[in-house]
Amino acid sequence: MKRLILLIVTTLAAIVLAACGSDGSNGTMNSGTADHNAADVTFAQNMIPHHRQAVDMADLAGTRASNPEVKALARQIRAAQAPEIATMVGWLNAWKQPTTPPAASGSEHGMGDHGSATMMPGDAMTGMMSEEDMAKLKMVTGSSFDRMFLTMMIAHHRSAVAMAATEIRDGRYAPAKQLADSIQKNQTIEITTMENLLTKI
């Protein structure tokens, strides 16, 4: 009889422990939502429009640039950033987050409304060109375009590098941090390339 009681108690204890383990595993399974944080969301939401504008600028170089090295660089930028946009959109969709930054965040960081203020190239706070800046870029060709494109893209890249550094420091989602590291390294190299090109044009 005592053995039967002991067996029942042991069985009940095992069930309780299994239930506790199940709760713990559920917490781990919920890591699908806990494996990223607000910094990851902000990084993706802000980098998407940032990359899209860089792609727009690169597309202009195809018909307006005169320097073959500028054209090659523009193709390189487009080839790198277009797939990254798709990747970040995928993350945000999986996280059930909007693919554009909140209006308040956009106003604060200059990411949401490109025409909210005219940004002078070299302003590392946003790196985004205003609608007026983009209109000016569309109006020039040849060496004038090359110089304007490089000057604007350097500013654009510098802000992307700063955004990437913030993600590396504050983010949690490993693929986002890896992408940020890649952006930081590759765009730093491209900044040097563009600065050297500017001295030749």
N, C-alpha and C. Protein backbone atom coordinates (compact mmCIF):
# COMPACT_ATOMS: atom_id res chain seq x y z
N MET A 1 0.84 -1.21 0.00
CA MET A 1 0.00 0.00 0.00
C MET A 1 0.87 1.25 0.00
N LYS A 2 1.92 1.19 0.85
CA LYS A 2 2.82 2.34 0.93
C LYS A 2 3.51 2.57 -0.42
N ARG A 3 3.83 1.43 -1.07
CA ARG A 3 4.47 1.55 -2.38
C ARG A 3 3.53 2.20 -3.39
N LEU A 4 2.26 1.86 -3.32
CA LEU A 4 1.27 2.43 -4.22
C LEU A 4 1.14 3.93 -4.00
N ILE A 5 1.08 4.32 -2.72
CA ILE A 5 0.98 5.75 -2.39
C ILE A 5 2.23 6.49 -2.89
N LEU A 6 3.40 5.86 -2.65
CA LEU A 6 4.66 6.48 -3.10
C LEU A 6 4.68 6.63 -4.62
N LEU A 7 4.17 5.61 -5.29
CA LEU A 7 4.13 5.66 -6.75
C LEU A 7 3.22 6.78 -7.24
N ILE A 8 2.06 6.94 -6.56
CA ILE A 8 1.13 8.01 -6.93
C ILE A 8 1.76 9.37 -6.70
N VAL A 9 2.39 9.55 -5.57
CA VAL A 9 3.04 10.83 -5.24
C VAL A 9 4.13 11.15 -6.24
N THR A 10 4.93 10.12 -6.57
CA THR A 10 6.02 10.31 -7.53
C THR A 10 5.47 10.70 -8.91
N THR A 11 4.40 10.03 -9.30
CA THR A 11 3.78 10.33 -10.59
C THR A 11 3.24 11.76 -10.64
N LEU A 12 2.56 12.15 -9.55
CA LEU A 12 2.03 13.51 -9.47
C LEU A 12 3.15 14.55 -9.53
N ALA A 13 4.24 14.26 -8.83
CA ALA A 13 5.38 15.19 -8.82
C ALA A 13 5.95 15.33 -10.24
N ALA A 14 6.02 14.20 -10.95
CA ALA A 14 6.55 14.22 -12.32
C ALA A 14 5.66 15.05 -13.23
N ILE A 15 4.33 14.93 -13.02
CA ILE A 15 3.38 15.70 -13.83
C ILE A 15 3.54 17.19 -13.58
N VAL A 16 3.69 17.54 -12.29
CA VAL A 16 3.86 18.96 -11.93
C VAL A 16 5.13 19.52 -12.55
N LEU A 17 6.22 18.74 -12.44
CA LEU A 17 7.49 19.20 -13.02
C LEU A 17 7.39 19.33 -14.53
N ALA A 18 6.69 18.40 -15.15
CA ALA A 18 6.52 18.47 -16.61
C ALA A 18 5.74 19.70 -17.00
N ALA A 19 4.72 20.03 -16.19
CA ALA A 19 3.92 21.22 -16.46
C ALA A 19 4.76 22.46 -16.34
N CYS A 20 5.62 22.50 -15.31
CA CYS A 20 6.50 23.66 -15.12
C CYS A 20 7.47 23.77 -16.29
N GLY A 21 8.00 22.60 -16.70
CA GLY A 21 8.91 22.60 -17.83
C GLY A 21 8.22 23.06 -19.09
N SER A 22 6.95 22.69 -19.23
CA SER A 22 6.18 23.10 -20.40
C SER A 22 6.02 24.60 -20.43
N ASP A 23 5.73 25.19 -19.22
CA ASP A 23 5.61 26.65 -19.15
C ASP A 23 6.91 27.31 -19.55
N GLY A 24 8.02 26.74 -19.07
CA GLY A 24 9.31 27.33 -19.39
C GLY A 24 9.60 27.25 -20.87
N SER A 25 9.25 26.09 -21.47
CA SER A 25 9.52 25.94 -22.89
C SER A 25 8.64 26.86 -23.71
N ASN A 26 7.40 27.12 -23.22
CA ASN A 26 6.55 28.06 -23.92
C ASN A 26 7.18 29.44 -23.92
N GLY A 27 7.81 29.78 -22.80
CA GLY A 27 8.49 31.06 -22.72
C GLY A 27 9.60 31.14 -23.74
N THR A 28 10.28 30.00 -23.91
CA THR A 28 11.35 29.97 -24.89
C THR A 28 10.79 30.02 -26.30
N MET A 29 9.69 29.32 -26.51
CA MET A 29 9.09 29.33 -27.84
C MET A 29 8.61 30.73 -28.22
N ASN A 30 8.23 31.46 -27.21
CA ASN A 30 7.81 32.83 -27.47
C ASN A 30 8.97 33.73 -27.86
N SER A 31 10.17 33.12 -27.92
CA SER A 31 11.33 33.91 -28.32
C SER A 31 11.18 34.41 -29.75
N GLY A 32 10.18 33.87 -30.47
CA GLY A 32 9.89 34.41 -31.79
C GLY A 32 9.54 35.88 -31.71
N THR A 33 8.99 36.29 -30.58
CA THR A 33 8.70 37.71 -30.38
C THR A 33 9.75 38.35 -29.49
N ALA A 34 10.43 37.52 -28.68
CA ALA A 34 11.40 38.08 -27.74
C ALA A 34 12.82 38.12 -28.31
N ASP A 35 13.01 37.56 -29.52
CA ASP A 35 14.36 37.52 -30.06
C ASP A 35 14.75 38.84 -30.71
N HIS A 36 13.85 39.80 -30.73
CA HIS A 36 14.18 41.13 -31.23
C HIS A 36 13.65 42.16 -30.24
N ASN A 37 14.14 43.37 -30.36
CA ASN A 37 13.68 44.43 -29.45
C ASN A 37 13.34 45.69 -30.24
N ALA A 38 13.02 46.75 -29.51
CA ALA A 38 12.61 48.00 -30.15
C ALA A 38 13.71 48.58 -31.03
N ALA A 39 14.96 48.38 -30.63
CA ALA A 39 16.07 48.91 -31.44
C ALA A 39 16.12 48.23 -32.81
N ASP A 40 15.83 46.92 -32.84
CA ASP A 40 15.81 46.20 -34.11
C ASP A 40 14.71 46.73 -35.02
N VAL A 41 13.54 46.97 -34.44
CA VAL A 41 12.40 47.48 -35.21
C VAL A 41 12.73 48.87 -35.76
N THR A 42 13.27 49.72 -34.91
CA THR A 42 13.61 51.08 -35.33
C THR A 42 14.67 51.07 -36.43
N PHE A 43 15.66 50.20 -36.27
CA PHE A 43 16.72 50.08 -37.28
C PHE A 43 16.13 49.73 -38.64
N ALA A 44 15.29 48.71 -38.68
CA ALA A 44 14.71 48.28 -39.95
C ALA A 44 13.78 49.34 -40.53
N GLN A 45 12.93 49.92 -39.68
CA GLN A 45 11.97 50.92 -40.16
C GLN A 45 12.66 52.15 -40.73
N ASN A 46 13.76 52.55 -40.13
CA ASN A 46 14.47 53.74 -40.61
C ASN A 46 15.42 53.44 -41.76
N MET A 47 16.00 52.22 -41.74
CA MET A 47 16.95 51.89 -42.80
C MET A 47 16.26 51.61 -44.13
N ILE A 48 15.02 51.13 -44.10
CA ILE A 48 14.30 50.84 -45.34
C ILE A 48 14.15 52.10 -46.20
N PRO A 49 13.54 53.20 -45.69
CA PRO A 49 13.45 54.40 -46.53
C PRO A 49 14.81 54.98 -46.87
N HIS A 50 15.75 54.82 -45.97
CA HIS A 50 17.11 55.30 -46.21
C HIS A 50 17.72 54.57 -47.40
N HIS A 51 17.61 53.25 -47.40
CA HIS A 51 18.11 52.45 -48.53
C HIS A 51 17.35 52.77 -49.81
N ARG A 52 16.03 52.93 -49.70
CA ARG A 52 15.23 53.20 -50.90
C ARG A 52 15.68 54.49 -51.57
N GLN A 53 16.00 55.49 -50.77
CA GLN A 53 16.46 56.74 -51.37
C GLN A 53 17.83 56.56 -52.03
N ALA A 54 18.68 55.77 -51.41
CA ALA A 54 20.00 55.50 -52.01
C ALA A 54 19.83 54.78 -53.35
N VAL A 55 18.89 53.86 -53.42
CA VAL A 55 18.62 53.15 -54.67
C VAL A 55 18.10 54.12 -55.72
N ASP A 56 17.21 55.04 -55.31
CA ASP A 56 16.70 56.06 -56.24
C ASP A 56 17.84 56.91 -56.79
N MET A 57 18.75 57.31 -55.90
CA MET A 57 19.90 58.11 -56.32
C MET A 57 20.80 57.32 -57.27
N ALA A 58 21.00 56.05 -56.95
CA ALA A 58 21.84 55.20 -57.79
C ALA A 58 21.22 55.02 -59.17
N ASP A 59 19.90 54.91 -59.22
CA ASP A 59 19.21 54.76 -60.51
C ASP A 59 19.42 55.99 -61.39
N LEU A 60 19.45 57.16 -60.78
CA LEU A 60 19.67 58.40 -61.54
C LEU A 60 21.04 58.39 -62.21
N ALA A 61 22.02 57.80 -61.52
CA ALA A 61 23.38 57.80 -62.05
C ALA A 61 23.48 57.05 -63.37
N GLY A 62 22.59 56.10 -63.58
CA GLY A 62 22.64 55.31 -64.81
C GLY A 62 22.53 56.15 -66.07
N THR A 63 21.75 57.23 -66.00
CA THR A 63 21.55 58.06 -67.20
C THR A 63 22.16 59.46 -67.08
N ARG A 64 22.54 59.84 -65.88
CA ARG A 64 23.02 61.22 -65.69
C ARG A 64 24.50 61.34 -65.38
N ALA A 65 25.10 60.30 -64.84
CA ALA A 65 26.53 60.37 -64.51
C ALA A 65 27.37 60.26 -65.76
N SER A 66 28.55 60.86 -65.72
CA SER A 66 29.47 60.78 -66.86
C SER A 66 30.70 59.97 -66.51
N ASN A 67 31.06 59.93 -65.25
CA ASN A 67 32.25 59.21 -64.82
C ASN A 67 31.93 57.72 -64.69
N PRO A 68 32.68 56.87 -65.41
CA PRO A 68 32.39 55.43 -65.36
C PRO A 68 32.53 54.84 -63.95
N GLU A 69 33.43 55.40 -63.16
CA GLU A 69 33.60 54.90 -61.78
C GLU A 69 32.39 55.26 -60.92
N VAL A 70 31.80 56.41 -61.18
CA VAL A 70 30.58 56.80 -60.46
C VAL A 70 29.44 55.87 -60.84
N LYS A 71 29.34 55.58 -62.13
CA LYS A 71 28.29 54.67 -62.60
C LYS A 71 28.46 53.27 -61.99
N ALA A 72 29.71 52.82 -61.94
CA ALA A 72 29.98 51.49 -61.38
C ALA A 72 29.64 51.46 -59.89
N LEU A 73 29.99 52.52 -59.20
CA LEU A 73 29.69 52.60 -57.77
C LEU A 73 28.18 52.61 -57.54
N ALA A 74 27.46 53.35 -58.37
CA ALA A 74 26.00 53.41 -58.24
C ALA A 74 25.38 52.03 -58.43
N ARG A 75 25.89 51.28 -59.41
CA ARG A 75 25.38 49.92 -59.63
C ARG A 75 25.68 49.03 -58.42
N GLN A 76 26.84 49.22 -57.84
CA GLN A 76 27.25 48.46 -56.65
C GLN A 76 26.32 48.76 -55.47
N ILE A 77 26.02 50.04 -55.29
CA ILE A 77 25.14 50.46 -54.20
C ILE A 77 23.75 49.85 -54.37
N ARG A 78 23.25 49.92 -55.61
CA ARG A 78 21.92 49.37 -55.86
C ARG A 78 21.88 47.87 -55.63
N ALA A 79 22.91 47.18 -56.13
CA ALA A 79 22.96 45.72 -56.01
C ALA A 79 23.00 45.27 -54.55
N ALA A 80 23.64 46.08 -53.70
CA ALA A 80 23.75 45.72 -52.28
C ALA A 80 22.48 46.06 -51.51
N GLN A 81 21.94 47.25 -51.76
CA GLN A 81 20.88 47.75 -50.89
C GLN A 81 19.47 47.28 -51.26
N ALA A 82 19.21 47.02 -52.53
CA ALA A 82 17.86 46.56 -52.91
C ALA A 82 17.50 45.23 -52.21
N PRO A 83 18.40 44.23 -52.20
CA PRO A 83 18.07 42.98 -51.49
C PRO A 83 17.94 43.20 -49.98
N GLU A 84 18.73 44.12 -49.43
CA GLU A 84 18.65 44.39 -47.99
C GLU A 84 17.30 44.98 -47.61
N ILE A 85 16.73 45.79 -48.50
CA ILE A 85 15.39 46.33 -48.27
C ILE A 85 14.40 45.18 -48.12
N ALA A 86 14.45 44.23 -49.07
CA ALA A 86 13.53 43.10 -49.03
C ALA A 86 13.70 42.29 -47.75
N THR A 87 14.94 42.12 -47.32
CA THR A 87 15.21 41.38 -46.08
C THR A 87 14.58 42.07 -44.88
N MET A 88 14.78 43.38 -44.77
CA MET A 88 14.25 44.12 -43.62
C MET A 88 12.72 44.20 -43.62
N VAL A 89 12.14 44.31 -44.81
CA VAL A 89 10.68 44.28 -44.92
C VAL A 89 10.16 42.93 -44.40
N GLY A 90 10.87 41.86 -44.75
CA GLY A 90 10.49 40.53 -44.29
C GLY A 90 10.52 40.42 -42.77
N TRP A 91 11.56 41.00 -42.16
CA TRP A 91 11.63 40.99 -40.69
C TRP A 91 10.43 41.69 -40.07
N LEU A 92 10.16 42.89 -40.55
CA LEU A 92 9.08 43.68 -39.97
C LEU A 92 7.73 42.99 -40.16
N ASN A 93 7.53 42.37 -41.30
CA ASN A 93 6.29 41.63 -41.52
C ASN A 93 6.18 40.47 -40.54
N ALA A 94 7.29 39.77 -40.32
CA ALA A 94 7.29 38.65 -39.38
C ALA A 94 7.03 39.12 -37.95
N TRP A 95 7.51 40.33 -37.64
CA TRP A 95 7.31 40.89 -36.30
C TRP A 95 5.96 41.60 -36.16
N LYS A 96 5.19 41.61 -37.27
CA LYS A 96 3.90 42.30 -37.30
C LYS A 96 4.06 43.80 -36.96
N GLN A 97 5.08 44.39 -37.56
CA GLN A 97 5.37 45.81 -37.37
C GLN A 97 5.25 46.53 -38.71
N PRO A 98 4.84 47.81 -38.70
CA PRO A 98 4.77 48.56 -39.97
C PRO A 98 6.16 48.71 -40.58
N THR A 99 6.19 48.79 -41.89
CA THR A 99 7.49 48.90 -42.57
C THR A 99 7.95 50.35 -42.71
N THR A 100 7.16 51.27 -42.21
CA THR A 100 7.58 52.68 -42.19
C THR A 100 7.64 53.14 -40.74
N PRO A 101 8.55 54.06 -40.42
CA PRO A 101 8.66 54.53 -39.04
C PRO A 101 7.45 55.35 -38.65
N PRO A 102 7.09 55.36 -37.36
CA PRO A 102 5.98 56.19 -36.90
C PRO A 102 6.22 57.64 -37.29
N ALA A 103 5.14 58.39 -37.48
CA ALA A 103 5.23 59.78 -37.93
C ALA A 103 6.08 60.61 -36.98
N ALA A 104 5.91 60.40 -35.70
CA ALA A 104 6.66 61.20 -34.71
C ALA A 104 8.14 60.91 -34.82
N SER A 105 8.46 59.60 -35.00
CA SER A 105 9.87 59.23 -35.14
C SER A 105 10.44 59.79 -36.42
N GLY A 106 9.62 59.79 -37.48
CA GLY A 106 10.09 60.31 -38.75
C GLY A 106 10.40 61.79 -38.66
N SER A 107 9.55 62.54 -37.94
CA SER A 107 9.77 63.97 -37.81
C SER A 107 11.03 64.25 -37.02
N GLU A 108 11.23 63.41 -35.98
CA GLU A 108 12.37 63.64 -35.12
C GLU A 108 13.68 63.32 -35.81
N HIS A 109 13.68 62.24 -36.59
CA HIS A 109 14.93 61.81 -37.19
C HIS A 109 15.07 62.20 -38.66
N GLY A 110 14.04 62.83 -39.20
CA GLY A 110 14.13 63.25 -40.58
C GLY A 110 13.98 62.10 -41.56
N MET A 111 13.43 60.97 -41.10
CA MET A 111 13.33 59.81 -41.97
C MET A 111 11.95 59.71 -42.62
N GLY A 112 10.93 60.21 -41.93
CA GLY A 112 9.58 59.97 -42.41
C GLY A 112 9.17 60.92 -43.51
N ASP A 113 9.52 62.18 -43.38
CA ASP A 113 9.10 63.19 -44.35
C ASP A 113 10.35 63.79 -44.97
N HIS A 114 10.67 63.33 -46.15
CA HIS A 114 11.91 63.78 -46.79
C HIS A 114 11.90 65.27 -47.08
N GLY A 115 10.71 65.85 -47.18
CA GLY A 115 10.64 67.25 -47.53
C GLY A 115 10.42 68.16 -46.34
N SER A 116 10.55 67.60 -45.13
CA SER A 116 10.26 68.40 -43.94
C SER A 116 11.29 69.51 -43.74
N ALA A 117 12.49 69.29 -44.21
CA ALA A 117 13.52 70.31 -44.07
C ALA A 117 14.57 70.05 -45.14
N THR A 118 15.15 71.13 -45.65
CA THR A 118 16.20 70.96 -46.64
C THR A 118 17.47 70.56 -45.91
N MET A 119 17.98 69.39 -46.24
CA MET A 119 19.16 68.89 -45.58
C MET A 119 20.39 69.18 -46.42
N MET A 120 21.34 69.84 -45.83
CA MET A 120 22.57 70.10 -46.55
C MET A 120 23.43 68.85 -46.53
N PRO A 121 23.99 68.46 -47.66
CA PRO A 121 24.89 67.31 -47.67
C PRO A 121 25.96 67.45 -46.59
N GLY A 122 26.22 66.37 -45.87
CA GLY A 122 27.19 66.41 -44.79
C GLY A 122 26.52 66.45 -43.44
N ASP A 123 25.18 66.61 -43.39
CA ASP A 123 24.46 66.60 -42.13
C ASP A 123 24.30 65.15 -41.70
N ALA A 124 25.15 64.72 -40.75
CA ALA A 124 25.16 63.31 -40.34
C ALA A 124 23.97 62.95 -39.47
N MET A 125 23.15 63.90 -39.08
CA MET A 125 22.00 63.60 -38.23
C MET A 125 20.98 62.74 -38.95
N THR A 126 20.76 63.00 -40.23
CA THR A 126 19.75 62.23 -40.96
C THR A 126 20.33 61.56 -42.19
N GLY A 127 21.14 62.26 -42.94
CA GLY A 127 21.69 61.71 -44.17
C GLY A 127 20.68 61.61 -45.29
N MET A 128 19.40 61.90 -44.98
CA MET A 128 18.36 61.82 -46.01
C MET A 128 18.33 63.11 -46.81
N MET A 129 18.17 62.96 -48.11
CA MET A 129 18.01 64.13 -48.96
C MET A 129 16.56 64.58 -48.90
N SER A 130 16.35 65.88 -48.91
CA SER A 130 14.99 66.41 -48.97
C SER A 130 14.47 66.26 -50.40
N GLU A 131 13.20 66.48 -50.58
CA GLU A 131 12.63 66.44 -51.94
C GLU A 131 13.30 67.50 -52.82
N GLU A 132 13.64 68.62 -52.22
CA GLU A 132 14.32 69.68 -52.98
C GLU A 132 15.71 69.22 -53.43
N ASP A 133 16.42 68.53 -52.52
CA ASP A 133 17.74 68.00 -52.86
C ASP A 133 17.65 67.02 -54.03
N MET A 134 16.66 66.14 -53.96
CA MET A 134 16.48 65.14 -55.01
C MET A 134 16.11 65.80 -56.33
N ALA A 135 15.30 66.84 -56.27
CA ALA A 135 14.91 67.56 -57.48
C ALA A 135 16.13 68.19 -58.13
N LYS A 136 17.02 68.75 -57.32
CA LYS A 136 18.25 69.37 -57.85
C LYS A 136 19.13 68.32 -58.51
N LEU A 137 19.20 67.14 -57.88
CA LEU A 137 20.04 66.08 -58.43
C LEU A 137 19.51 65.62 -59.79
N LYS A 138 18.19 65.62 -59.94
CA LYS A 138 17.57 65.19 -61.20
C LYS A 138 17.79 66.21 -62.32
N MET A 139 18.12 67.44 -61.96
CA MET A 139 18.25 68.51 -62.96
C MET A 139 19.64 68.62 -63.57
N VAL A 140 20.61 67.90 -63.00
CA VAL A 140 21.99 68.04 -63.50
C VAL A 140 22.45 66.75 -64.16
N THR A 141 23.46 66.89 -65.01
CA THR A 141 24.05 65.74 -65.67
C THR A 141 25.56 65.94 -65.73
N GLY A 142 26.25 64.93 -66.23
CA GLY A 142 27.69 65.04 -66.42
C GLY A 142 28.46 65.17 -65.12
N SER A 143 29.55 65.92 -65.18
CA SER A 143 30.42 66.06 -64.01
C SER A 143 29.71 66.77 -62.85
N SER A 144 28.75 67.65 -63.17
CA SER A 144 27.98 68.32 -62.11
C SER A 144 27.17 67.30 -61.33
N PHE A 145 26.59 66.36 -62.06
CA PHE A 145 25.85 65.29 -61.39
C PHE A 145 26.81 64.44 -60.56
N ASP A 146 27.93 64.10 -61.15
CA ASP A 146 28.88 63.24 -60.45
C ASP A 146 29.27 63.83 -59.10
N ARG A 147 29.60 65.12 -59.09
CA ARG A 147 30.02 65.78 -57.85
C ARG A 147 28.88 65.84 -56.85
N MET A 148 27.68 66.19 -57.32
CA MET A 148 26.53 66.30 -56.41
C MET A 148 26.15 64.92 -55.86
N PHE A 149 26.16 63.94 -56.74
CA PHE A 149 25.82 62.58 -56.33
C PHE A 149 26.78 62.08 -55.25
N LEU A 150 28.08 62.25 -55.49
CA LEU A 150 29.07 61.78 -54.53
C LEU A 150 28.95 62.51 -53.19
N THR A 151 28.77 63.82 -53.25
CA THR A 151 28.65 64.61 -52.02
C THR A 151 27.43 64.17 -51.21
N MET A 152 26.31 63.99 -51.90
CA MET A 152 25.09 63.57 -51.20
C MET A 152 25.20 62.14 -50.68
N MET A 153 25.78 61.26 -51.49
CA MET A 153 25.85 59.86 -51.09
C MET A 153 26.82 59.65 -49.93
N ILE A 154 27.85 60.47 -49.87
CA ILE A 154 28.77 60.39 -48.72
C ILE A 154 28.00 60.70 -47.44
N ALA A 155 27.21 61.78 -47.46
CA ALA A 155 26.40 62.13 -46.29
C ALA A 155 25.40 61.02 -45.96
N HIS A 156 24.82 60.48 -47.02
CA HIS A 156 23.85 59.39 -46.87
C HIS A 156 24.50 58.18 -46.20
N HIS A 157 25.66 57.81 -46.68
CA HIS A 157 26.37 56.66 -46.14
C HIS A 157 26.80 56.90 -44.69
N ARG A 158 27.26 58.10 -44.41
CA ARG A 158 27.71 58.37 -43.03
C ARG A 158 26.58 58.18 -42.02
N SER A 159 25.38 58.59 -42.40
CA SER A 159 24.26 58.42 -41.48
C SER A 159 23.89 56.94 -41.37
N ALA A 160 24.01 56.19 -42.47
CA ALA A 160 23.74 54.75 -42.42
C ALA A 160 24.73 54.05 -41.49
N VAL A 161 25.98 54.46 -41.56
CA VAL A 161 27.01 53.89 -40.68
C VAL A 161 26.67 54.18 -39.22
N ALA A 162 26.20 55.39 -38.94
CA ALA A 162 25.82 55.75 -37.57
C ALA A 162 24.62 54.94 -37.11
N MET A 163 23.62 54.76 -38.00
CA MET A 163 22.44 53.95 -37.66
C MET A 163 22.84 52.50 -37.40
N ALA A 164 23.77 52.00 -38.21
CA ALA A 164 24.24 50.63 -38.04
C ALA A 164 24.96 50.45 -36.70
N ALA A 165 25.74 51.46 -36.32
CA ALA A 165 26.46 51.39 -35.05
C ALA A 165 25.48 51.33 -33.88
N THR A 166 24.38 52.07 -33.99
CA THR A 166 23.36 52.05 -32.94
C THR A 166 22.72 50.67 -32.83
N GLU A 167 22.45 50.05 -33.99
CA GLU A 167 21.85 48.71 -34.00
C GLU A 167 22.82 47.69 -33.40
N ILE A 168 24.08 47.78 -33.75
CA ILE A 168 25.08 46.86 -33.21
C ILE A 168 25.15 46.98 -31.69
N ARG A 169 25.03 48.19 -31.20
CA ARG A 169 25.11 48.45 -29.75
C ARG A 169 23.83 48.04 -29.02
N ASP A 170 22.67 48.40 -29.59
CA ASP A 170 21.41 48.26 -28.85
C ASP A 170 20.51 47.12 -29.31
N GLY A 171 20.74 46.60 -30.51
CA GLY A 171 19.84 45.57 -31.05
C GLY A 171 20.01 44.22 -30.38
N ARG A 172 19.04 43.35 -30.61
CA ARG A 172 19.07 42.00 -30.05
C ARG A 172 19.03 40.93 -31.14
N TYR A 173 18.36 41.23 -32.26
CA TYR A 173 18.13 40.24 -33.31
C TYR A 173 19.43 40.01 -34.08
N ALA A 174 19.96 38.80 -33.98
CA ALA A 174 21.29 38.51 -34.55
C ALA A 174 21.39 38.84 -36.04
N PRO A 175 20.42 38.44 -36.89
CA PRO A 175 20.55 38.79 -38.32
C PRO A 175 20.58 40.30 -38.56
N ALA A 176 19.82 41.07 -37.76
CA ALA A 176 19.83 42.53 -37.92
C ALA A 176 21.18 43.10 -37.53
N LYS A 177 21.75 42.56 -36.47
CA LYS A 177 23.07 43.04 -36.03
C LYS A 177 24.14 42.67 -37.06
N GLN A 178 23.99 41.49 -37.67
CA GLN A 178 24.93 41.09 -38.72
C GLN A 178 24.81 41.98 -39.94
N LEU A 179 23.56 42.33 -40.30
CA LEU A 179 23.36 43.23 -41.44
C LEU A 179 23.95 44.60 -41.12
N ALA A 180 23.73 45.07 -39.90
CA ALA A 180 24.27 46.37 -39.49
C ALA A 180 25.79 46.38 -39.58
N ASP A 181 26.40 45.27 -39.18
CA ASP A 181 27.86 45.17 -39.24
C ASP A 181 28.33 45.22 -40.69
N SER A 182 27.59 44.53 -41.57
CA SER A 182 27.94 44.54 -42.99
C SER A 182 27.79 45.94 -43.58
N ILE A 183 26.67 46.63 -43.24
CA ILE A 183 26.45 47.99 -43.72
C ILE A 183 27.57 48.91 -43.25
N GLN A 184 27.93 48.78 -41.99
CA GLN A 184 28.97 49.64 -41.42
C GLN A 184 30.30 49.44 -42.15
N LYS A 185 30.67 48.20 -42.38
CA LYS A 185 31.96 47.92 -43.03
C LYS A 185 31.95 48.32 -44.50
N ASN A 186 30.92 47.88 -45.23
CA ASN A 186 30.89 48.13 -46.67
C ASN A 186 30.73 49.60 -47.01
N GLN A 187 29.85 50.28 -46.27
CA GLN A 187 29.62 51.69 -46.60
C GLN A 187 30.77 52.58 -46.15
N THR A 188 31.50 52.16 -45.13
CA THR A 188 32.71 52.91 -44.75
C THR A 188 33.74 52.84 -45.88
N ILE A 189 33.86 51.66 -46.48
CA ILE A 189 34.77 51.50 -47.62
C ILE A 189 34.30 52.37 -48.79
N GLU A 190 32.99 52.36 -49.05
CA GLU A 190 32.45 53.15 -50.16
C GLU A 190 32.61 54.65 -49.92
N ILE A 191 32.53 55.08 -48.67
CA ILE A 191 32.76 56.50 -48.35
C ILE A 191 34.17 56.90 -48.78
N THR A 192 35.14 56.07 -48.43
CA THR A 192 36.52 56.35 -48.83
C THR A 192 36.67 56.40 -50.35
N THR A 193 36.02 55.46 -51.02
CA THR A 193 36.05 55.43 -52.48
C THR A 193 35.47 56.72 -53.07
N MET A 194 34.34 57.15 -52.52
CA MET A 194 33.68 58.36 -53.04
C MET A 194 34.49 59.62 -52.74
N GLU A 195 35.08 59.65 -51.58
CA GLU A 195 35.93 60.82 -51.25
C GLU A 195 37.11 60.91 -52.21
N ASN A 196 37.69 59.77 -52.55
CA ASN A 196 38.80 59.76 -53.52
C ASN A 196 38.33 60.17 -54.90
N LEU A 197 37.13 59.69 -55.27
CA LEU A 197 36.57 60.06 -56.58
C LEU A 197 36.34 61.55 -56.69
N LEU A 198 35.88 62.15 -55.61
CA LEU A 198 35.60 63.59 -55.62
C LEU A 198 36.85 64.40 -55.95
N THR A 199 38.00 63.91 -55.54
CA THR A 199 39.24 64.67 -55.80
C THR A 199 39.64 64.61 -57.28
N LYS A 200 39.05 63.66 -58.02
CA LYS A 200 39.39 63.49 -59.44
C LYS A 200 38.42 64.20 -60.39
N ILE A 201 37.26 64.59 -59.86
CA ILE A 201 36.22 65.16 -60.73
C ILE A 201 36.24 66.70 -60.67
